[in-house]
Amino acid sequence: MKTHYLILGLAPALALAACGGNDSATNTATTDNMAGMDMSGDGNAADNAALVAASPGQAFADIVGASDYYEVEAGKLAQEKAQDQKLKDYGKLMVEHHTASTDKLKAAGAKASPAITPNPALSVEQEANLEALRKADGAAFDTAYKTQQVAAHEKALAAVKDYAATGDVAELKAFANEAEKVVEAHLTRIKGL
């Protein structure tokens, strides 16, 4: 969150700096002032990394990691709260499969050069969906869970298909190709319940 505010705070300053004229005296003074500065970072890798845009491979790993995390948490709720035994069983399967998916994703990312570590931060939508499941009971839970699962797996399928076709990291492309079949099976199964 601190990085988010830092980036937001720097954006106007950078925009104003870009609008300035070509004053060579100012540019020389700025260069002289910066000459003694350590531009290698402050050792805070998380903050420094956040200032650099994520590569397509990192973005994909983050999206899949968050999807897996959401599926595991929603699956746990389904095992606990679903009325329909088929949804309870599906929830158990989601916990198992998405835990395995995360392990495979981490292994693929570790083989990449440079290594990619998924950051499974849930989206606002995923957080809201989990909160809705926590609040729902009975038949309302079953309906919400099934609806969310269809939507989540449609998004996941689009993401893995896209990365399998256009991805920039061979190890993650291989993961995406393998994951595509699993996600399609999950989507088919939930639609049939």
N, C-alpha and C. Protein backbone atom coordinates (compact mmCIF):
# COMPACT_ATOMS: atom_id res chain seq x y z
N MET A 1 0.84 -1.18 0.00
CA MET A 1 0.00 0.00 0.00
C MET A 1 0.88 1.25 0.00
N LYS A 2 1.99 1.21 0.80
CA LYS A 2 2.90 2.33 0.86
C LYS A 2 3.45 2.63 -0.52
N THR A 3 3.77 1.58 -1.29
CA THR A 3 4.31 1.75 -2.62
C THR A 3 3.27 2.39 -3.54
N HIS A 4 2.02 1.98 -3.38
CA HIS A 4 0.94 2.54 -4.19
C HIS A 4 0.88 4.06 -3.99
N TYR A 5 0.95 4.51 -2.75
CA TYR A 5 0.91 5.95 -2.49
C TYR A 5 2.16 6.64 -3.01
N LEU A 6 3.31 5.96 -2.91
CA LEU A 6 4.55 6.52 -3.42
C LEU A 6 4.44 6.74 -4.92
N ILE A 7 3.93 5.75 -5.63
CA ILE A 7 3.78 5.87 -7.08
C ILE A 7 2.79 6.97 -7.42
N LEU A 8 1.66 7.02 -6.69
CA LEU A 8 0.68 8.08 -6.95
C LEU A 8 1.28 9.46 -6.67
N GLY A 9 2.11 9.55 -5.65
CA GLY A 9 2.72 10.83 -5.31
C GLY A 9 3.77 11.26 -6.32
N LEU A 10 4.46 10.30 -6.91
CA LEU A 10 5.49 10.63 -7.88
C LEU A 10 4.92 10.98 -9.25
N ALA A 11 3.77 10.44 -9.59
CA ALA A 11 3.20 10.65 -10.92
C ALA A 11 3.04 12.12 -11.28
N PRO A 12 2.42 12.96 -10.41
CA PRO A 12 2.29 14.37 -10.78
C PRO A 12 3.64 15.07 -10.92
N ALA A 13 4.58 14.71 -10.06
CA ALA A 13 5.90 15.35 -10.13
C ALA A 13 6.59 14.99 -11.44
N LEU A 14 6.49 13.74 -11.84
CA LEU A 14 7.10 13.33 -13.10
C LEU A 14 6.41 13.99 -14.29
N ALA A 15 5.09 14.13 -14.21
CA ALA A 15 4.35 14.78 -15.30
C ALA A 15 4.78 16.24 -15.43
N LEU A 16 4.92 16.92 -14.31
CA LEU A 16 5.35 18.32 -14.35
C LEU A 16 6.78 18.43 -14.86
N ALA A 17 7.63 17.52 -14.47
CA ALA A 17 9.02 17.56 -14.93
C ALA A 17 9.09 17.36 -16.44
N ALA A 18 8.22 16.52 -16.97
CA ALA A 18 8.21 16.26 -18.40
C ALA A 18 7.76 17.48 -19.19
N CYS A 19 6.99 18.36 -18.56
CA CYS A 19 6.47 19.54 -19.25
C CYS A 19 7.48 20.67 -19.30
N GLY A 20 8.54 20.59 -18.54
CA GLY A 20 9.52 21.67 -18.46
C GLY A 20 10.24 21.88 -19.77
N GLY A 21 10.81 23.06 -19.94
CA GLY A 21 11.55 23.38 -21.15
C GLY A 21 12.93 22.77 -21.12
N ASN A 22 13.71 23.08 -22.12
CA ASN A 22 15.05 22.55 -22.24
C ASN A 22 16.03 23.59 -21.73
N ASP A 23 16.08 23.79 -20.45
CA ASP A 23 16.97 24.77 -19.81
C ASP A 23 18.25 24.05 -19.43
N SER A 24 19.31 24.23 -20.21
CA SER A 24 20.54 23.48 -19.98
C SER A 24 21.17 23.80 -18.64
N ALA A 25 20.99 25.01 -18.12
CA ALA A 25 21.54 25.34 -16.80
C ALA A 25 20.85 24.52 -15.72
N THR A 26 19.54 24.40 -15.82
CA THR A 26 18.78 23.61 -14.85
C THR A 26 19.16 22.14 -14.97
N ASN A 27 19.26 21.65 -16.21
CA ASN A 27 19.61 20.25 -16.42
C ASN A 27 20.99 19.94 -15.87
N THR A 28 21.95 20.84 -16.06
CA THR A 28 23.30 20.63 -15.55
C THR A 28 23.30 20.64 -14.03
N ALA A 29 22.56 21.57 -13.43
CA ALA A 29 22.49 21.63 -11.97
C ALA A 29 21.87 20.37 -11.41
N THR A 30 20.84 19.88 -12.05
CA THR A 30 20.19 18.66 -11.59
C THR A 30 21.15 17.48 -11.69
N THR A 31 21.88 17.39 -12.80
CA THR A 31 22.84 16.31 -12.97
C THR A 31 23.92 16.39 -11.91
N ASP A 32 24.41 17.60 -11.63
CA ASP A 32 25.44 17.76 -10.60
C ASP A 32 24.91 17.35 -9.23
N ASN A 33 23.67 17.71 -8.92
CA ASN A 33 23.09 17.34 -7.63
C ASN A 33 22.89 15.83 -7.51
N MET A 34 22.62 15.18 -8.60
CA MET A 34 22.36 13.74 -8.57
C MET A 34 23.65 12.93 -8.60
N ALA A 35 24.77 13.54 -8.94
CA ALA A 35 26.01 12.81 -9.10
C ALA A 35 26.41 12.05 -7.84
N GLY A 36 26.16 12.60 -6.68
CA GLY A 36 26.55 11.94 -5.44
C GLY A 36 25.50 11.00 -4.88
N MET A 37 24.37 10.87 -5.56
CA MET A 37 23.29 10.04 -5.03
C MET A 37 23.50 8.58 -5.39
N ASP A 38 23.14 7.70 -4.47
CA ASP A 38 23.18 6.26 -4.71
C ASP A 38 21.87 5.88 -5.39
N MET A 39 21.92 5.53 -6.65
CA MET A 39 20.72 5.19 -7.40
C MET A 39 20.46 3.69 -7.44
N SER A 40 21.21 2.92 -6.65
CA SER A 40 21.07 1.47 -6.70
C SER A 40 19.91 0.96 -5.87
N GLY A 41 19.20 1.80 -5.18
CA GLY A 41 18.07 1.35 -4.36
C GLY A 41 18.42 1.40 -2.90
N ASP A 42 17.41 1.25 -2.08
CA ASP A 42 17.62 1.36 -0.64
C ASP A 42 17.65 0.01 0.04
N GLY A 43 17.70 -1.05 -0.72
CA GLY A 43 17.74 -2.38 -0.12
C GLY A 43 16.36 -2.94 0.15
N ASN A 44 15.33 -2.16 -0.04
CA ASN A 44 13.97 -2.64 0.17
C ASN A 44 13.47 -3.18 -1.16
N ALA A 45 13.71 -4.47 -1.37
CA ALA A 45 13.42 -5.08 -2.67
C ALA A 45 11.95 -4.99 -3.04
N ALA A 46 11.07 -5.15 -2.07
CA ALA A 46 9.63 -5.11 -2.38
C ALA A 46 9.22 -3.74 -2.90
N ASP A 47 9.66 -2.68 -2.24
CA ASP A 47 9.30 -1.34 -2.69
C ASP A 47 9.97 -1.01 -4.02
N ASN A 48 11.24 -1.37 -4.17
CA ASN A 48 11.94 -1.07 -5.41
C ASN A 48 11.34 -1.85 -6.58
N ALA A 49 11.00 -3.11 -6.37
CA ALA A 49 10.42 -3.93 -7.43
C ALA A 49 9.06 -3.40 -7.85
N ALA A 50 8.31 -2.87 -6.92
CA ALA A 50 6.97 -2.36 -7.24
C ALA A 50 7.04 -1.12 -8.11
N LEU A 51 8.16 -0.42 -8.08
CA LEU A 51 8.31 0.78 -8.90
C LEU A 51 8.55 0.43 -10.36
N VAL A 52 8.96 -0.78 -10.62
CA VAL A 52 9.20 -1.24 -11.97
C VAL A 52 7.97 -2.04 -12.41
N ALA A 53 7.50 -1.78 -13.61
CA ALA A 53 6.31 -2.50 -14.09
C ALA A 53 6.60 -4.00 -14.16
N ALA A 54 5.61 -4.79 -13.79
CA ALA A 54 5.76 -6.24 -13.81
C ALA A 54 5.87 -6.72 -15.25
N SER A 55 6.72 -7.72 -15.45
CA SER A 55 6.83 -8.33 -16.77
C SER A 55 5.55 -9.11 -17.05
N PRO A 56 5.29 -9.44 -18.31
CA PRO A 56 4.11 -10.25 -18.59
C PRO A 56 4.13 -11.58 -17.83
N GLY A 57 5.31 -12.19 -17.70
CA GLY A 57 5.42 -13.44 -16.95
C GLY A 57 5.07 -13.26 -15.49
N GLN A 58 5.56 -12.19 -14.89
CA GLN A 58 5.26 -11.93 -13.48
C GLN A 58 3.77 -11.62 -13.31
N ALA A 59 3.22 -10.85 -14.22
CA ALA A 59 1.79 -10.52 -14.14
C ALA A 59 0.95 -11.79 -14.24
N PHE A 60 1.31 -12.69 -15.15
CA PHE A 60 0.59 -13.95 -15.30
C PHE A 60 0.70 -14.78 -14.02
N ALA A 61 1.90 -14.90 -13.48
CA ALA A 61 2.10 -15.67 -12.26
C ALA A 61 1.28 -15.09 -11.11
N ASP A 62 1.22 -13.78 -11.03
CA ASP A 62 0.43 -13.13 -9.97
C ASP A 62 -1.06 -13.41 -10.14
N ILE A 63 -1.55 -13.33 -11.37
CA ILE A 63 -2.97 -13.58 -11.64
C ILE A 63 -3.34 -15.02 -11.31
N VAL A 64 -2.52 -15.97 -11.76
CA VAL A 64 -2.80 -17.38 -11.49
C VAL A 64 -2.66 -17.68 -10.00
N GLY A 65 -1.64 -17.10 -9.37
CA GLY A 65 -1.47 -17.30 -7.93
C GLY A 65 -2.67 -16.81 -7.15
N ALA A 66 -3.19 -15.65 -7.52
CA ALA A 66 -4.37 -15.10 -6.85
C ALA A 66 -5.60 -15.96 -7.14
N SER A 67 -5.71 -16.43 -8.38
CA SER A 67 -6.83 -17.30 -8.74
C SER A 67 -6.80 -18.58 -7.91
N ASP A 68 -5.62 -19.18 -7.81
CA ASP A 68 -5.49 -20.40 -6.99
C ASP A 68 -5.85 -20.13 -5.54
N TYR A 69 -5.37 -19.02 -5.00
CA TYR A 69 -5.64 -18.68 -3.60
C TYR A 69 -7.15 -18.51 -3.38
N TYR A 70 -7.79 -17.78 -4.29
CA TYR A 70 -9.24 -17.59 -4.21
C TYR A 70 -9.96 -18.94 -4.26
N GLU A 71 -9.57 -19.80 -5.19
CA GLU A 71 -10.23 -21.10 -5.35
C GLU A 71 -10.08 -21.97 -4.10
N VAL A 72 -8.91 -21.95 -3.49
CA VAL A 72 -8.68 -22.73 -2.27
C VAL A 72 -9.58 -22.21 -1.15
N GLU A 73 -9.62 -20.90 -0.96
CA GLU A 73 -10.44 -20.32 0.12
C GLU A 73 -11.93 -20.55 -0.13
N ALA A 74 -12.36 -20.36 -1.37
CA ALA A 74 -13.77 -20.59 -1.71
C ALA A 74 -14.11 -22.08 -1.56
N GLY A 75 -13.19 -22.95 -1.94
CA GLY A 75 -13.40 -24.38 -1.80
C GLY A 75 -13.55 -24.81 -0.35
N LYS A 76 -12.76 -24.21 0.52
CA LYS A 76 -12.88 -24.50 1.95
C LYS A 76 -14.26 -24.09 2.46
N LEU A 77 -14.72 -22.93 2.02
CA LEU A 77 -16.06 -22.47 2.42
C LEU A 77 -17.14 -23.41 1.89
N ALA A 78 -16.97 -23.90 0.67
CA ALA A 78 -17.95 -24.82 0.09
C ALA A 78 -18.02 -26.12 0.88
N GLN A 79 -16.87 -26.62 1.29
CA GLN A 79 -16.86 -27.85 2.08
C GLN A 79 -17.59 -27.67 3.40
N GLU A 80 -17.51 -26.48 3.93
CA GLU A 80 -18.13 -26.17 5.23
C GLU A 80 -19.61 -25.79 5.11
N LYS A 81 -19.97 -25.01 4.07
CA LYS A 81 -21.29 -24.37 4.05
C LYS A 81 -22.27 -24.88 3.00
N ALA A 82 -21.78 -25.54 1.95
CA ALA A 82 -22.69 -25.96 0.87
C ALA A 82 -23.71 -26.97 1.38
N GLN A 83 -24.93 -26.85 0.86
CA GLN A 83 -25.97 -27.83 1.18
C GLN A 83 -25.87 -29.04 0.25
N ASP A 84 -25.58 -28.77 -1.00
CA ASP A 84 -25.48 -29.82 -2.02
C ASP A 84 -24.14 -30.56 -1.85
N GLN A 85 -24.21 -31.86 -1.63
CA GLN A 85 -22.98 -32.66 -1.44
C GLN A 85 -22.06 -32.57 -2.65
N LYS A 86 -22.64 -32.44 -3.85
CA LYS A 86 -21.81 -32.32 -5.05
C LYS A 86 -20.97 -31.04 -5.02
N LEU A 87 -21.53 -29.96 -4.47
CA LEU A 87 -20.75 -28.72 -4.34
C LEU A 87 -19.69 -28.86 -3.25
N LYS A 88 -20.00 -29.58 -2.18
CA LYS A 88 -19.00 -29.85 -1.14
C LYS A 88 -17.82 -30.62 -1.75
N ASP A 89 -18.15 -31.65 -2.54
CA ASP A 89 -17.12 -32.46 -3.19
C ASP A 89 -16.31 -31.63 -4.18
N TYR A 90 -17.00 -30.77 -4.92
CA TYR A 90 -16.32 -29.89 -5.87
C TYR A 90 -15.38 -28.94 -5.12
N GLY A 91 -15.84 -28.40 -4.00
CA GLY A 91 -15.00 -27.53 -3.18
C GLY A 91 -13.74 -28.24 -2.72
N LYS A 92 -13.88 -29.50 -2.31
CA LYS A 92 -12.72 -30.29 -1.88
C LYS A 92 -11.75 -30.47 -3.05
N LEU A 93 -12.30 -30.76 -4.23
CA LEU A 93 -11.48 -30.93 -5.42
C LEU A 93 -10.73 -29.63 -5.75
N MET A 94 -11.42 -28.48 -5.60
CA MET A 94 -10.78 -27.20 -5.88
C MET A 94 -9.62 -26.94 -4.93
N VAL A 95 -9.78 -27.27 -3.67
CA VAL A 95 -8.69 -27.10 -2.70
C VAL A 95 -7.49 -27.95 -3.14
N GLU A 96 -7.75 -29.21 -3.47
CA GLU A 96 -6.67 -30.11 -3.87
C GLU A 96 -6.00 -29.66 -5.17
N HIS A 97 -6.80 -29.40 -6.20
CA HIS A 97 -6.24 -29.05 -7.51
C HIS A 97 -5.54 -27.70 -7.51
N HIS A 98 -6.11 -26.73 -6.83
CA HIS A 98 -5.50 -25.40 -6.87
C HIS A 98 -4.29 -25.29 -5.94
N THR A 99 -4.22 -26.13 -4.92
CA THR A 99 -3.00 -26.22 -4.12
C THR A 99 -1.89 -26.82 -4.98
N ALA A 100 -2.22 -27.87 -5.72
CA ALA A 100 -1.25 -28.49 -6.63
C ALA A 100 -0.85 -27.52 -7.74
N SER A 101 -1.80 -26.75 -8.24
CA SER A 101 -1.51 -25.76 -9.28
C SER A 101 -0.51 -24.72 -8.78
N THR A 102 -0.71 -24.26 -7.56
CA THR A 102 0.21 -23.28 -6.98
C THR A 102 1.61 -23.87 -6.87
N ASP A 103 1.71 -25.11 -6.45
CA ASP A 103 3.03 -25.77 -6.35
C ASP A 103 3.69 -25.85 -7.72
N LYS A 104 2.92 -26.20 -8.75
CA LYS A 104 3.47 -26.29 -10.11
C LYS A 104 3.86 -24.91 -10.64
N LEU A 105 3.04 -23.91 -10.33
CA LEU A 105 3.34 -22.54 -10.76
C LEU A 105 4.65 -22.06 -10.13
N LYS A 106 4.80 -22.31 -8.83
CA LYS A 106 6.04 -21.90 -8.14
C LYS A 106 7.25 -22.62 -8.73
N ALA A 107 7.11 -23.91 -9.03
CA ALA A 107 8.21 -24.67 -9.62
C ALA A 107 8.58 -24.13 -11.00
N ALA A 108 7.57 -23.83 -11.82
CA ALA A 108 7.83 -23.27 -13.15
C ALA A 108 8.50 -21.91 -13.04
N GLY A 109 8.01 -21.08 -12.13
CA GLY A 109 8.61 -19.76 -11.94
C GLY A 109 10.04 -19.84 -11.45
N ALA A 110 10.34 -20.81 -10.61
CA ALA A 110 11.70 -20.97 -10.08
C ALA A 110 12.68 -21.38 -11.18
N LYS A 111 12.20 -22.08 -12.21
CA LYS A 111 13.05 -22.51 -13.33
C LYS A 111 13.31 -21.37 -14.32
N ALA A 112 12.48 -20.35 -14.29
CA ALA A 112 12.63 -19.23 -15.22
C ALA A 112 13.89 -18.45 -14.90
N SER A 113 14.40 -17.73 -15.89
CA SER A 113 15.58 -16.89 -15.67
C SER A 113 15.28 -15.49 -16.20
N PRO A 114 15.15 -14.50 -15.31
CA PRO A 114 15.26 -14.61 -13.85
C PRO A 114 14.03 -15.31 -13.27
N ALA A 115 14.22 -15.83 -12.08
CA ALA A 115 13.14 -16.55 -11.40
C ALA A 115 11.94 -15.64 -11.17
N ILE A 116 10.76 -16.23 -11.22
CA ILE A 116 9.51 -15.50 -11.00
C ILE A 116 8.80 -16.14 -9.82
N THR A 117 8.46 -15.32 -8.84
CA THR A 117 7.74 -15.79 -7.66
C THR A 117 6.35 -15.18 -7.69
N PRO A 118 5.31 -16.01 -7.71
CA PRO A 118 3.94 -15.47 -7.73
C PRO A 118 3.63 -14.66 -6.47
N ASN A 119 2.93 -13.56 -6.66
CA ASN A 119 2.43 -12.76 -5.54
C ASN A 119 0.91 -12.87 -5.60
N PRO A 120 0.34 -13.79 -4.80
CA PRO A 120 -1.09 -14.08 -4.92
C PRO A 120 -2.00 -13.10 -4.20
N ALA A 121 -1.87 -11.82 -4.51
CA ALA A 121 -2.74 -10.81 -3.89
C ALA A 121 -4.10 -10.86 -4.57
N LEU A 122 -5.14 -11.06 -3.77
CA LEU A 122 -6.49 -11.13 -4.32
C LEU A 122 -6.93 -9.79 -4.89
N SER A 123 -7.70 -9.85 -5.96
CA SER A 123 -8.29 -8.64 -6.53
C SER A 123 -9.44 -8.19 -5.64
N VAL A 124 -9.90 -6.99 -5.87
CA VAL A 124 -11.06 -6.47 -5.13
C VAL A 124 -12.26 -7.38 -5.37
N GLU A 125 -12.44 -7.82 -6.60
CA GLU A 125 -13.56 -8.71 -6.94
C GLU A 125 -13.45 -10.03 -6.18
N GLN A 126 -12.26 -10.61 -6.14
CA GLN A 126 -12.08 -11.88 -5.44
C GLN A 126 -12.35 -11.73 -3.94
N GLU A 127 -11.87 -10.63 -3.36
CA GLU A 127 -12.14 -10.36 -1.94
C GLU A 127 -13.64 -10.24 -1.70
N ALA A 128 -14.32 -9.50 -2.56
CA ALA A 128 -15.77 -9.31 -2.42
C ALA A 128 -16.51 -10.64 -2.58
N ASN A 129 -16.06 -11.46 -3.52
CA ASN A 129 -16.69 -12.76 -3.71
C ASN A 129 -16.54 -13.65 -2.49
N LEU A 130 -15.35 -13.66 -1.91
CA LEU A 130 -15.15 -14.47 -0.69
C LEU A 130 -16.02 -13.94 0.45
N GLU A 131 -16.10 -12.63 0.56
CA GLU A 131 -16.93 -12.04 1.62
C GLU A 131 -18.40 -12.41 1.42
N ALA A 132 -18.85 -12.39 0.18
CA ALA A 132 -20.24 -12.77 -0.11
C ALA A 132 -20.48 -14.24 0.27
N LEU A 133 -19.50 -15.09 0.01
CA LEU A 133 -19.64 -16.50 0.38
C LEU A 133 -19.66 -16.68 1.90
N ARG A 134 -18.84 -15.91 2.58
CA ARG A 134 -18.82 -16.00 4.05
C ARG A 134 -20.17 -15.61 4.65
N LYS A 135 -20.84 -14.65 4.02
CA LYS A 135 -22.11 -14.15 4.54
C LYS A 135 -23.30 -15.00 4.11
N ALA A 136 -23.17 -15.75 3.04
CA ALA A 136 -24.29 -16.53 2.50
C ALA A 136 -24.46 -17.84 3.26
N ASP A 137 -25.71 -18.29 3.30
CA ASP A 137 -26.03 -19.57 3.94
C ASP A 137 -27.03 -20.33 3.08
N GLY A 138 -27.07 -21.64 3.30
CA GLY A 138 -28.08 -22.47 2.67
C GLY A 138 -28.04 -22.44 1.16
N ALA A 139 -29.22 -22.41 0.56
CA ALA A 139 -29.34 -22.41 -0.89
C ALA A 139 -28.69 -21.17 -1.51
N ALA A 140 -28.72 -20.05 -0.79
CA ALA A 140 -28.08 -18.83 -1.30
C ALA A 140 -26.57 -19.04 -1.45
N PHE A 141 -25.97 -19.77 -0.52
CA PHE A 141 -24.54 -20.07 -0.63
C PHE A 141 -24.30 -20.92 -1.88
N ASP A 142 -25.08 -21.97 -2.03
CA ASP A 142 -24.88 -22.87 -3.17
C ASP A 142 -24.97 -22.12 -4.50
N THR A 143 -25.97 -21.26 -4.62
CA THR A 143 -26.14 -20.48 -5.84
C THR A 143 -24.96 -19.53 -6.06
N ALA A 144 -24.57 -18.82 -5.01
CA ALA A 144 -23.45 -17.87 -5.13
C ALA A 144 -22.16 -18.60 -5.47
N TYR A 145 -21.90 -19.71 -4.81
CA TYR A 145 -20.66 -20.46 -5.06
C TYR A 145 -20.60 -20.94 -6.51
N LYS A 146 -21.68 -21.53 -6.98
CA LYS A 146 -21.69 -22.04 -8.35
C LYS A 146 -21.51 -20.90 -9.36
N THR A 147 -22.23 -19.81 -9.16
CA THR A 147 -22.11 -18.65 -10.06
C THR A 147 -20.68 -18.11 -10.08
N GLN A 148 -20.10 -17.97 -8.89
CA GLN A 148 -18.72 -17.47 -8.80
C GLN A 148 -17.73 -18.42 -9.46
N GLN A 149 -17.94 -19.72 -9.28
CA GLN A 149 -17.01 -20.70 -9.85
C GLN A 149 -17.03 -20.68 -11.37
N VAL A 150 -18.21 -20.55 -11.95
CA VAL A 150 -18.29 -20.46 -13.41
C VAL A 150 -17.52 -19.23 -13.88
N ALA A 151 -17.79 -18.08 -13.29
CA ALA A 151 -17.12 -16.84 -13.71
C ALA A 151 -15.61 -16.91 -13.48
N ALA A 152 -15.20 -17.42 -12.33
CA ALA A 152 -13.77 -17.49 -12.01
C ALA A 152 -13.04 -18.42 -12.97
N HIS A 153 -13.64 -19.54 -13.30
CA HIS A 153 -12.98 -20.48 -14.21
C HIS A 153 -13.01 -19.99 -15.66
N GLU A 154 -14.01 -19.23 -16.04
CA GLU A 154 -14.00 -18.62 -17.38
C GLU A 154 -12.85 -17.62 -17.49
N LYS A 155 -12.65 -16.80 -16.45
CA LYS A 155 -11.54 -15.84 -16.45
C LYS A 155 -10.19 -16.56 -16.44
N ALA A 156 -10.09 -17.59 -15.60
CA ALA A 156 -8.83 -18.34 -15.51
C ALA A 156 -8.51 -19.01 -16.85
N LEU A 157 -9.52 -19.56 -17.48
CA LEU A 157 -9.32 -20.22 -18.78
C LEU A 157 -8.83 -19.22 -19.82
N ALA A 158 -9.42 -18.05 -19.84
CA ALA A 158 -8.97 -17.01 -20.78
C ALA A 158 -7.52 -16.62 -20.51
N ALA A 159 -7.15 -16.50 -19.24
CA ALA A 159 -5.78 -16.11 -18.88
C ALA A 159 -4.77 -17.17 -19.29
N VAL A 160 -5.05 -18.44 -19.01
CA VAL A 160 -4.07 -19.47 -19.36
C VAL A 160 -3.99 -19.68 -20.87
N LYS A 161 -5.12 -19.58 -21.57
CA LYS A 161 -5.09 -19.70 -23.03
C LYS A 161 -4.26 -18.58 -23.65
N ASP A 162 -4.49 -17.36 -23.16
CA ASP A 162 -3.76 -16.21 -23.68
C ASP A 162 -2.26 -16.35 -23.43
N TYR A 163 -1.89 -16.72 -22.21
CA TYR A 163 -0.46 -16.83 -21.90
C TYR A 163 0.17 -18.00 -22.65
N ALA A 164 -0.55 -19.10 -22.80
CA ALA A 164 -0.02 -20.24 -23.55
C ALA A 164 0.29 -19.84 -24.99
N ALA A 165 -0.52 -18.94 -25.54
CA ALA A 165 -0.34 -18.50 -26.92
C ALA A 165 0.70 -17.39 -27.07
N THR A 166 0.76 -16.48 -26.10
CA THR A 166 1.58 -15.28 -26.29
C THR A 166 2.60 -15.03 -25.19
N GLY A 167 2.73 -15.93 -24.24
CA GLY A 167 3.60 -15.70 -23.08
C GLY A 167 5.06 -15.52 -23.44
N ASP A 168 5.80 -14.88 -22.52
CA ASP A 168 7.20 -14.56 -22.76
C ASP A 168 8.18 -15.44 -21.98
N VAL A 169 7.69 -16.35 -21.15
CA VAL A 169 8.56 -17.21 -20.35
C VAL A 169 8.19 -18.66 -20.66
N ALA A 170 9.13 -19.40 -21.25
CA ALA A 170 8.85 -20.77 -21.71
C ALA A 170 8.30 -21.66 -20.60
N GLU A 171 8.86 -21.57 -19.41
CA GLU A 171 8.42 -22.42 -18.31
C GLU A 171 6.98 -22.12 -17.91
N LEU A 172 6.61 -20.86 -17.95
CA LEU A 172 5.24 -20.48 -17.62
C LEU A 172 4.28 -20.81 -18.76
N LYS A 173 4.77 -20.75 -20.00
CA LYS A 173 3.93 -21.16 -21.13
C LYS A 173 3.60 -22.65 -21.02
N ALA A 174 4.59 -23.46 -20.63
CA ALA A 174 4.35 -24.89 -20.46
C ALA A 174 3.34 -25.12 -19.34
N PHE A 175 3.49 -24.38 -18.25
CA PHE A 175 2.53 -24.47 -17.15
C PHE A 175 1.13 -24.11 -17.65
N ALA A 176 1.02 -23.03 -18.41
CA ALA A 176 -0.28 -22.57 -18.92
C ALA A 176 -0.92 -23.62 -19.83
N ASN A 177 -0.11 -24.24 -20.68
CA ASN A 177 -0.64 -25.30 -21.56
C ASN A 177 -1.22 -26.46 -20.75
N GLU A 178 -0.51 -26.86 -19.71
CA GLU A 178 -0.98 -27.95 -18.85
C GLU A 178 -2.22 -27.52 -18.06
N ALA A 179 -2.20 -26.31 -17.54
CA ALA A 179 -3.30 -25.81 -16.72
C ALA A 179 -4.58 -25.65 -17.54
N GLU A 180 -4.45 -25.35 -18.82
CA GLU A 180 -5.63 -25.13 -19.66
C GLU A 180 -6.59 -26.31 -19.61
N LYS A 181 -6.06 -27.52 -19.72
CA LYS A 181 -6.90 -28.73 -19.70
C LYS A 181 -7.61 -28.89 -18.36
N VAL A 182 -6.91 -28.61 -17.28
CA VAL A 182 -7.48 -28.75 -15.93
C VAL A 182 -8.58 -27.72 -15.72
N VAL A 183 -8.33 -26.48 -16.11
CA VAL A 183 -9.32 -25.42 -15.93
C VAL A 183 -10.57 -25.71 -16.77
N GLU A 184 -10.38 -26.19 -17.99
CA GLU A 184 -11.53 -26.56 -18.83
C GLU A 184 -12.36 -27.65 -18.15
N ALA A 185 -11.69 -28.63 -17.55
CA ALA A 185 -12.41 -29.72 -16.85
C ALA A 185 -13.18 -29.17 -15.65
N HIS A 186 -12.56 -28.24 -14.91
CA HIS A 186 -13.25 -27.64 -13.76
C HIS A 186 -14.49 -26.88 -14.23
N LEU A 187 -14.35 -26.12 -15.30
CA LEU A 187 -15.46 -25.33 -15.82
C LEU A 187 -16.60 -26.23 -16.29
N THR A 188 -16.26 -27.27 -17.01
CA THR A 188 -17.28 -28.22 -17.48
C THR A 188 -18.01 -28.86 -16.30
N ARG A 189 -17.24 -29.23 -15.29
CA ARG A 189 -17.84 -29.90 -14.13
C ARG A 189 -18.78 -28.97 -13.36
N ILE A 190 -18.36 -27.73 -13.10
CA ILE A 190 -19.22 -26.83 -12.31
C ILE A 190 -20.47 -26.46 -13.10
N LYS A 191 -20.36 -26.33 -14.41
CA LYS A 191 -21.54 -26.02 -15.22
C LYS A 191 -22.54 -27.17 -15.19
N GLY A 192 -22.04 -28.39 -14.97
CA GLY A 192 -22.91 -29.56 -14.94
C GLY A 192 -23.57 -29.81 -13.59
N LEU A 193 -23.19 -29.06 -12.58
CA LEU A 193 -23.78 -29.26 -11.24
C LEU A 193 -25.06 -28.48 -11.06
